[in-house]
Amino acid sequence: MKKLIFVLSLLIGISAISFAQTKQIEKALAKQYKMKMKEYKKEGWKLDGSSKTLDVALLLHYEKMKSADYKEIPGLVSNCVSKNVCRQAAYNNVIVSYANLASSYIKGRITNDMQIDQSNVNSGEFDKMYAAYERLVAGEIKGEIEESYAIVRQNGDTKEYQIIFLVNEKNASSKRLRALENAFKETSIAQEYAKKISEFVKEGFSY
């Protein structure tokens, strides 16, 4: 009986902590929403490509951001004339940015945390692997990037365009791991380090 009471007390305590953390996140997001709306209005941004108001679009965006699965990535383009060109450029910029960050993360884990002596590997093989991984992530991640909302403002004769994208990191982690495994196949690193690096990198992934 005492054991049951202890377990129930523990569960209630965990639930209370979780509830408090959720409330803190909601409060922070509400504050961020107000700041962002004020910023957009002050800088002359207008919602594009939607029948919603900017206010509603932003509320829906932050509602989705309550989930820990989602990460926000902005795609900003300046000095473009056509909205279609702006949109495509913003999307491409986000893909490149995400792949670059993923590659930098892998490089940091291998170089700083694992402390592998890269001087013993054939010249350029690690750099070749990082480049292959970045390219493969860019291809793999496209299906996980979704547009949340787009805003535009006039800047003289050209436009500034910004699309805020969301990435489901829970789904994206498996795509990044697949890209890493395929990157190993393109280099001689796979022979000696692939398994060790894969296991180590998995430990650092959020999902």
C-alpha atoms as a PDB file:
ATOM      1  CA  MET A   1       0.000   0.000   0.000  1.00  0.00           C
ATOM      2  CA  LYS A   2       2.809   2.387   0.911  1.00  0.00           C
ATOM      3  CA  LYS A   3       4.506   1.544  -2.366  1.00  0.00           C
ATOM      4  CA  LEU A   4       1.306   2.333  -4.285  1.00  0.00           C
ATOM      5  CA  ILE A   5       0.925   5.669  -2.492  1.00  0.00           C
ATOM      6  CA  PHE A   6       4.561   6.499  -3.292  1.00  0.00           C
ATOM      7  CA  VAL A   7       4.090   5.702  -6.992  1.00  0.00           C
ATOM      8  CA  LEU A   8       0.885   7.757  -7.172  1.00  0.00           C
ATOM      9  CA  SER A   9       2.580  10.674  -5.423  1.00  0.00           C
ATOM     10  CA  LEU A  10       5.480  10.446  -7.854  1.00  0.00           C
ATOM     11  CA  LEU A  11       3.153  10.437 -10.870  1.00  0.00           C
ATOM     12  CA  ILE A  12       1.214  13.415  -9.514  1.00  0.00           C
ATOM     13  CA  GLY A  13       4.479  15.272  -8.953  1.00  0.00           C
ATOM     14  CA  ILE A  14       5.683  14.555 -12.495  1.00  0.00           C
ATOM     15  CA  SER A  15       2.319  15.651 -13.926  1.00  0.00           C
ATOM     16  CA  ALA A  16       2.465  18.897 -11.942  1.00  0.00           C
ATOM     17  CA  ILE A  17       5.981  19.647 -13.231  1.00  0.00           C
ATOM     18  CA  SER A  18       4.946  18.865 -16.803  1.00  0.00           C
ATOM     19  CA  PHE A  19       1.869  21.096 -16.495  1.00  0.00           C
ATOM     20  CA  ALA A  20       3.974  23.949 -15.110  1.00  0.00           C
ATOM     21  CA  GLN A  21       6.500  23.611 -17.946  1.00  0.00           C
ATOM     22  CA  THR A  22       3.697  23.619 -20.530  1.00  0.00           C
ATOM     23  CA  LYS A  23       2.240  26.776 -19.010  1.00  0.00           C
ATOM     24  CA  GLN A  24       5.651  28.452 -19.108  1.00  0.00           C
ATOM     25  CA  ILE A  25       6.052  27.563 -22.792  1.00  0.00           C
ATOM     26  CA  GLU A  26       2.564  28.872 -23.598  1.00  0.00           C
ATOM     27  CA  LYS A  27       3.287  32.105 -21.738  1.00  0.00           C
ATOM     28  CA  ALA A  28       6.606  32.580 -23.560  1.00  0.00           C
ATOM     29  CA  LEU A  29       4.997  31.914 -26.945  1.00  0.00           C
ATOM     30  CA  ALA A  30       2.171  34.369 -26.202  1.00  0.00           C
ATOM     31  CA  LYS A  31       4.756  37.022 -25.366  1.00  0.00           C
ATOM     32  CA  GLN A  32       6.706  36.212 -28.520  1.00  0.00           C
ATOM     33  CA  TYR A  33       3.519  36.437 -30.607  1.00  0.00           C
ATOM     34  CA  LYS A  34       2.792  39.963 -29.336  1.00  0.00           C
ATOM     35  CA  MET A  35       6.366  41.086 -30.003  1.00  0.00           C
ATOM     36  CA  LYS A  36       6.361  39.604 -33.498  1.00  0.00           C
ATOM     37  CA  MET A  37       3.037  41.213 -34.437  1.00  0.00           C
ATOM     38  CA  LYS A  38       4.314  44.587 -33.230  1.00  0.00           C
ATOM     39  CA  GLU A  39       7.525  44.123 -35.219  1.00  0.00           C
ATOM     40  CA  TYR A  40       5.728  43.137 -38.435  1.00  0.00           C
ATOM     41  CA  LYS A  41       3.322  46.074 -38.279  1.00  0.00           C
ATOM     42  CA  LYS A  42       6.090  48.552 -37.513  1.00  0.00           C
ATOM     43  CA  GLU A  43       8.260  47.294 -40.394  1.00  0.00           C
ATOM     44  CA  GLY A  44       5.405  47.171 -42.915  1.00  0.00           C
ATOM     45  CA  TRP A  45       5.170  43.425 -43.480  1.00  0.00           C
ATOM     46  CA  LYS A  46       1.923  42.031 -44.921  1.00  0.00           C
ATOM     47  CA  LEU A  47       0.681  38.461 -45.140  1.00  0.00           C
ATOM     48  CA  ASP A  48       0.911  36.963 -48.626  1.00  0.00           C
ATOM     49  CA  GLY A  49      -0.728  34.016 -50.341  1.00  0.00           C
ATOM     50  CA  SER A  50      -3.490  33.500 -47.788  1.00  0.00           C
ATOM     51  CA  SER A  51      -7.054  34.611 -47.120  1.00  0.00           C
ATOM     52  CA  LYS A  52      -6.269  34.726 -43.394  1.00  0.00           C
ATOM     53  CA  THR A  53      -5.202  37.857 -41.570  1.00  0.00           C
ATOM     54  CA  LEU A  54      -1.604  38.106 -40.373  1.00  0.00           C
ATOM     55  CA  ASP A  55      -2.900  37.985 -36.816  1.00  0.00           C
ATOM     56  CA  VAL A  56      -4.642  34.626 -37.374  1.00  0.00           C
ATOM     57  CA  ALA A  57      -1.738  33.162 -39.347  1.00  0.00           C
ATOM     58  CA  LEU A  58       0.680  34.010 -36.547  1.00  0.00           C
ATOM     59  CA  LEU A  59      -1.638  32.590 -33.874  1.00  0.00           C
ATOM     60  CA  LEU A  60      -1.895  29.317 -35.787  1.00  0.00           C
ATOM     61  CA  HIS A  61       1.872  29.266 -36.219  1.00  0.00           C
ATOM     62  CA  TYR A  62       2.568  29.607 -32.502  1.00  0.00           C
ATOM     63  CA  GLU A  63      -0.112  27.052 -31.697  1.00  0.00           C
ATOM     64  CA  LYS A  64       1.866  24.531 -33.729  1.00  0.00           C
ATOM     65  CA  MET A  65       5.113  25.639 -32.090  1.00  0.00           C
ATOM     66  CA  LYS A  66       3.782  24.392 -28.739  1.00  0.00           C
ATOM     67  CA  SER A  67       4.805  20.941 -29.924  1.00  0.00           C
ATOM     68  CA  ALA A  68       8.461  20.135 -29.232  1.00  0.00           C
ATOM     69  CA  ASP A  69       8.574  18.301 -32.572  1.00  0.00           C
ATOM     70  CA  TYR A  70       8.615  21.507 -34.594  1.00  0.00           C
ATOM     71  CA  LYS A  71      11.498  23.827 -35.305  1.00  0.00           C
ATOM     72  CA  GLU A  72      11.032  27.234 -36.970  1.00  0.00           C
ATOM     73  CA  ILE A  73      13.269  28.211 -39.892  1.00  0.00           C
ATOM     74  CA  PRO A  74      12.866  31.583 -41.667  1.00  0.00           C
ATOM     75  CA  GLY A  75      13.631  32.008 -45.358  1.00  0.00           C
ATOM     76  CA  LEU A  76      14.375  35.642 -46.247  1.00  0.00           C
ATOM     77  CA  VAL A  77      14.916  37.048 -49.753  1.00  0.00           C
ATOM     78  CA  SER A  78      15.680  40.639 -50.731  1.00  0.00           C
ATOM     79  CA  ASN A  79      15.753  42.569 -54.002  1.00  0.00           C
ATOM     80  CA  CYS A  80      13.429  40.359 -56.033  1.00  0.00           C
ATOM     81  CA  VAL A  81      10.689  41.509 -58.392  1.00  0.00           C
ATOM     82  CA  SER A  82       8.478  38.456 -58.880  1.00  0.00           C
ATOM     83  CA  LYS A  83       6.718  36.849 -55.919  1.00  0.00           C
ATOM     84  CA  ASN A  84       7.143  33.405 -57.483  1.00  0.00           C
ATOM     85  CA  VAL A  85      10.892  33.944 -57.737  1.00  0.00           C
ATOM     86  CA  CYS A  86      10.931  35.248 -54.167  1.00  0.00           C
ATOM     87  CA  ARG A  87       9.089  32.193 -52.882  1.00  0.00           C
ATOM     88  CA  GLN A  88      11.354  29.708 -54.637  1.00  0.00           C
ATOM     89  CA  ALA A  89      14.469  31.525 -53.488  1.00  0.00           C
ATOM     90  CA  ALA A  90      13.226  31.578 -49.873  1.00  0.00           C
ATOM     91  CA  TYR A  91      12.544  27.830 -49.991  1.00  0.00           C
ATOM     92  CA  ASN A  92      15.947  27.083 -51.510  1.00  0.00           C
ATOM     93  CA  ASN A  93      17.672  29.255 -48.886  1.00  0.00           C
ATOM     94  CA  VAL A  94      15.999  27.307 -46.082  1.00  0.00           C
ATOM     95  CA  ILE A  95      17.013  23.954 -47.564  1.00  0.00           C
ATOM     96  CA  VAL A  96      20.630  25.098 -47.905  1.00  0.00           C
ATOM     97  CA  SER A  97      20.645  26.645 -44.410  1.00  0.00           C
ATOM     98  CA  TYR A  98      19.236  23.506 -42.773  1.00  0.00           C
ATOM     99  CA  ALA A  99      21.698  21.213 -44.580  1.00  0.00           C
ATOM    100  CA  ASN A 100      24.609  23.493 -43.692  1.00  0.00           C
ATOM    101  CA  LEU A 101      23.676  23.515 -40.000  1.00  0.00           C
ATOM    102  CA  ALA A 102      23.283  19.731 -40.015  1.00  0.00           C
ATOM    103  CA  SER A 103      26.730  19.332 -41.573  1.00  0.00           C
ATOM    104  CA  SER A 104      28.284  21.752 -39.080  1.00  0.00           C
ATOM    105  CA  TYR A 105      26.723  19.788 -36.223  1.00  0.00           C
ATOM    106  CA  ILE A 106      28.187  16.500 -37.496  1.00  0.00           C
ATOM    107  CA  LYS A 107      31.591  18.092 -38.005  1.00  0.00           C
ATOM    108  CA  GLY A 108      31.510  19.497 -34.481  1.00  0.00           C
ATOM    109  CA  ARG A 109      30.562  16.165 -32.952  1.00  0.00           C
ATOM    110  CA  ILE A 110      33.312  14.325 -34.798  1.00  0.00           C
ATOM    111  CA  THR A 111      36.054  16.928 -34.378  1.00  0.00           C
ATOM    112  CA  ASN A 112      35.418  18.212 -30.861  1.00  0.00           C
ATOM    113  CA  ASP A 113      33.563  15.468 -28.998  1.00  0.00           C
ATOM    114  CA  MET A 114      34.924  12.268 -30.533  1.00  0.00           C
ATOM    115  CA  GLN A 115      38.372  13.773 -31.031  1.00  0.00           C
ATOM    116  CA  ILE A 116      39.191  11.485 -33.938  1.00  0.00           C
ATOM    117  CA  ASP A 117      42.677  12.050 -35.295  1.00  0.00           C
ATOM    118  CA  GLN A 118      41.702  13.008 -38.840  1.00  0.00           C
ATOM    119  CA  SER A 119      45.356  13.260 -39.893  1.00  0.00           C
ATOM    120  CA  ASN A 120      45.493   9.474 -40.128  1.00  0.00           C
ATOM    121  CA  VAL A 121      42.718   9.373 -42.725  1.00  0.00           C
ATOM    122  CA  ASN A 122      43.332   9.771 -46.450  1.00  0.00           C
ATOM    123  CA  SER A 123      43.639  13.456 -47.265  1.00  0.00           C
ATOM    124  CA  GLY A 124      40.283  15.187 -47.710  1.00  0.00           C
ATOM    125  CA  GLU A 125      38.110  12.146 -46.893  1.00  0.00           C
ATOM    126  CA  PHE A 126      36.442  13.774 -43.902  1.00  0.00           C
ATOM    127  CA  ASP A 127      35.802  16.980 -45.869  1.00  0.00           C
ATOM    128  CA  LYS A 128      34.397  14.852 -48.678  1.00  0.00           C
ATOM    129  CA  MET A 129      32.099  13.110 -46.206  1.00  0.00           C
ATOM    130  CA  TYR A 130      30.871  16.413 -44.706  1.00  0.00           C
ATOM    131  CA  ALA A 131      30.121  17.780 -48.197  1.00  0.00           C
ATOM    132  CA  ALA A 132      28.312  14.577 -49.196  1.00  0.00           C
ATOM    133  CA  TYR A 133      26.267  14.641 -45.987  1.00  0.00           C
ATOM    134  CA  GLU A 134      25.240  18.270 -46.527  1.00  0.00           C
ATOM    135  CA  ARG A 135      24.169  17.519 -50.110  1.00  0.00           C
ATOM    136  CA  LEU A 136      22.241  14.399 -49.089  1.00  0.00           C
ATOM    137  CA  VAL A 137      20.475  16.145 -46.192  1.00  0.00           C
ATOM    138  CA  ALA A 138      19.332  18.861 -48.611  1.00  0.00           C
ATOM    139  CA  GLY A 139      17.714  16.167 -50.751  1.00  0.00           C
ATOM    140  CA  GLU A 140      16.240  14.154 -47.883  1.00  0.00           C
ATOM    141  CA  ILE A 141      14.779  17.030 -45.870  1.00  0.00           C
ATOM    142  CA  LYS A 142      12.528  18.551 -48.540  1.00  0.00           C
ATOM    143  CA  GLY A 143       9.533  16.451 -47.563  1.00  0.00           C
ATOM    144  CA  GLU A 144       9.766  17.529 -43.920  1.00  0.00           C
ATOM    145  CA  ILE A 145       9.783  21.292 -44.523  1.00  0.00           C
ATOM    146  CA  GLU A 146       6.367  22.923 -44.588  1.00  0.00           C
ATOM    147  CA  GLU A 147       5.373  26.526 -45.069  1.00  0.00           C
ATOM    148  CA  SER A 148       3.682  28.121 -42.072  1.00  0.00           C
ATOM    149  CA  TYR A 149       3.120  31.632 -43.424  1.00  0.00           C
ATOM    150  CA  ALA A 150       4.622  34.131 -45.864  1.00  0.00           C
ATOM    151  CA  ILE A 151       5.014  37.889 -45.553  1.00  0.00           C
ATOM    152  CA  VAL A 152       6.069  40.549 -48.044  1.00  0.00           C
ATOM    153  CA  ARG A 153       6.916  44.246 -48.075  1.00  0.00           C
ATOM    154  CA  GLN A 154       7.858  46.704 -50.766  1.00  0.00           C
ATOM    155  CA  ASN A 155      11.379  48.091 -50.767  1.00  0.00           C
ATOM    156  CA  GLY A 156      11.589  50.694 -53.515  1.00  0.00           C
ATOM    157  CA  ASP A 157      11.211  48.972 -56.880  1.00  0.00           C
ATOM    158  CA  THR A 158      11.816  45.514 -55.421  1.00  0.00           C
ATOM    159  CA  LYS A 159      10.290  43.314 -52.755  1.00  0.00           C
ATOM    160  CA  GLU A 160      11.496  41.709 -49.577  1.00  0.00           C
ATOM    161  CA  TYR A 161       9.927  38.331 -49.011  1.00  0.00           C
ATOM    162  CA  GLN A 162       9.971  36.116 -45.968  1.00  0.00           C
ATOM    163  CA  ILE A 163       8.546  32.636 -45.534  1.00  0.00           C
ATOM    164  CA  ILE A 164       8.511  31.032 -42.125  1.00  0.00           C
ATOM    165  CA  PHE A 165       8.893  27.294 -42.435  1.00  0.00           C
ATOM    166  CA  LEU A 166       8.431  24.534 -39.886  1.00  0.00           C
ATOM    167  CA  VAL A 167      10.466  21.337 -39.768  1.00  0.00           C
ATOM    168  CA  ASN A 168       9.250  18.268 -37.939  1.00  0.00           C
ATOM    169  CA  GLU A 169      12.503  17.332 -36.207  1.00  0.00           C
ATOM    170  CA  LYS A 170      11.137  13.999 -35.011  1.00  0.00           C
ATOM    171  CA  ASN A 171      10.696  12.898 -38.615  1.00  0.00           C
ATOM    172  CA  ALA A 172      13.751  14.771 -39.884  1.00  0.00           C
ATOM    173  CA  SER A 173      16.154  12.943 -37.545  1.00  0.00           C
ATOM    174  CA  SER A 174      15.660   9.662 -39.407  1.00  0.00           C
ATOM    175  CA  LYS A 175      16.298  11.447 -42.703  1.00  0.00           C
ATOM    176  CA  ARG A 176      19.537  12.930 -41.360  1.00  0.00           C
ATOM    177  CA  LEU A 177      20.717   9.527 -40.183  1.00  0.00           C
ATOM    178  CA  ARG A 178      19.981   8.028 -43.582  1.00  0.00           C
ATOM    179  CA  ALA A 179      21.915  10.845 -45.232  1.00  0.00           C
ATOM    180  CA  LEU A 180      24.849  10.184 -42.901  1.00  0.00           C
ATOM    181  CA  GLU A 181      24.902   6.468 -43.723  1.00  0.00           C
ATOM    182  CA  ASN A 182      24.848   7.236 -47.455  1.00  0.00           C
ATOM    183  CA  ALA A 183      27.590   9.842 -47.032  1.00  0.00           C
ATOM    184  CA  PHE A 184      29.824   7.166 -45.489  1.00  0.00           C
ATOM    185  CA  LYS A 185      29.359   5.028 -48.595  1.00  0.00           C
ATOM    186  CA  GLU A 186      30.846   7.792 -50.751  1.00  0.00           C
ATOM    187  CA  THR A 187      34.108   7.887 -48.780  1.00  0.00           C
ATOM    188  CA  SER A 188      36.707   5.486 -47.417  1.00  0.00           C
ATOM    189  CA  ILE A 189      35.739   6.573 -43.879  1.00  0.00           C
ATOM    190  CA  ALA A 190      33.011   3.939 -43.938  1.00  0.00           C
ATOM    191  CA  GLN A 191      35.628   1.195 -43.668  1.00  0.00           C
ATOM    192  CA  GLU A 192      37.000   2.331 -40.328  1.00  0.00           C
ATOM    193  CA  TYR A 193      34.814   4.924 -38.624  1.00  0.00           C
ATOM    194  CA  ALA A 194      31.220   4.665 -39.938  1.00  0.00           C
ATOM    195  CA  LYS A 195      29.717   2.485 -37.196  1.00  0.00           C
ATOM    196  CA  LYS A 196      31.493   4.350 -34.401  1.00  0.00           C
ATOM    197  CA  ILE A 197      30.469   7.779 -35.728  1.00  0.00           C
ATOM    198  CA  SER A 198      26.859   6.720 -36.412  1.00  0.00           C
ATOM    199  CA  GLU A 199      26.378   5.418 -32.870  1.00  0.00           C
ATOM    200  CA  PHE A 200      27.983   8.521 -31.383  1.00  0.00           C
ATOM    201  CA  VAL A 201      25.938  10.935 -33.504  1.00  0.00           C
ATOM    202  CA  LYS A 202      22.671   9.141 -32.680  1.00  0.00           C
ATOM    203  CA  GLU A 203      23.299   9.858 -29.000  1.00  0.00           C
ATOM    204  CA  GLY A 204      23.333  13.589 -29.739  1.00  0.00           C
ATOM    205  CA  PHE A 205      20.164  13.677 -31.841  1.00  0.00           C
ATOM    206  CA  SER A 206      17.064  15.041 -30.144  1.00  0.00           C
ATOM    207  CA  TYR A 207      15.026  12.157 -31.506  1.00  0.00           C
END
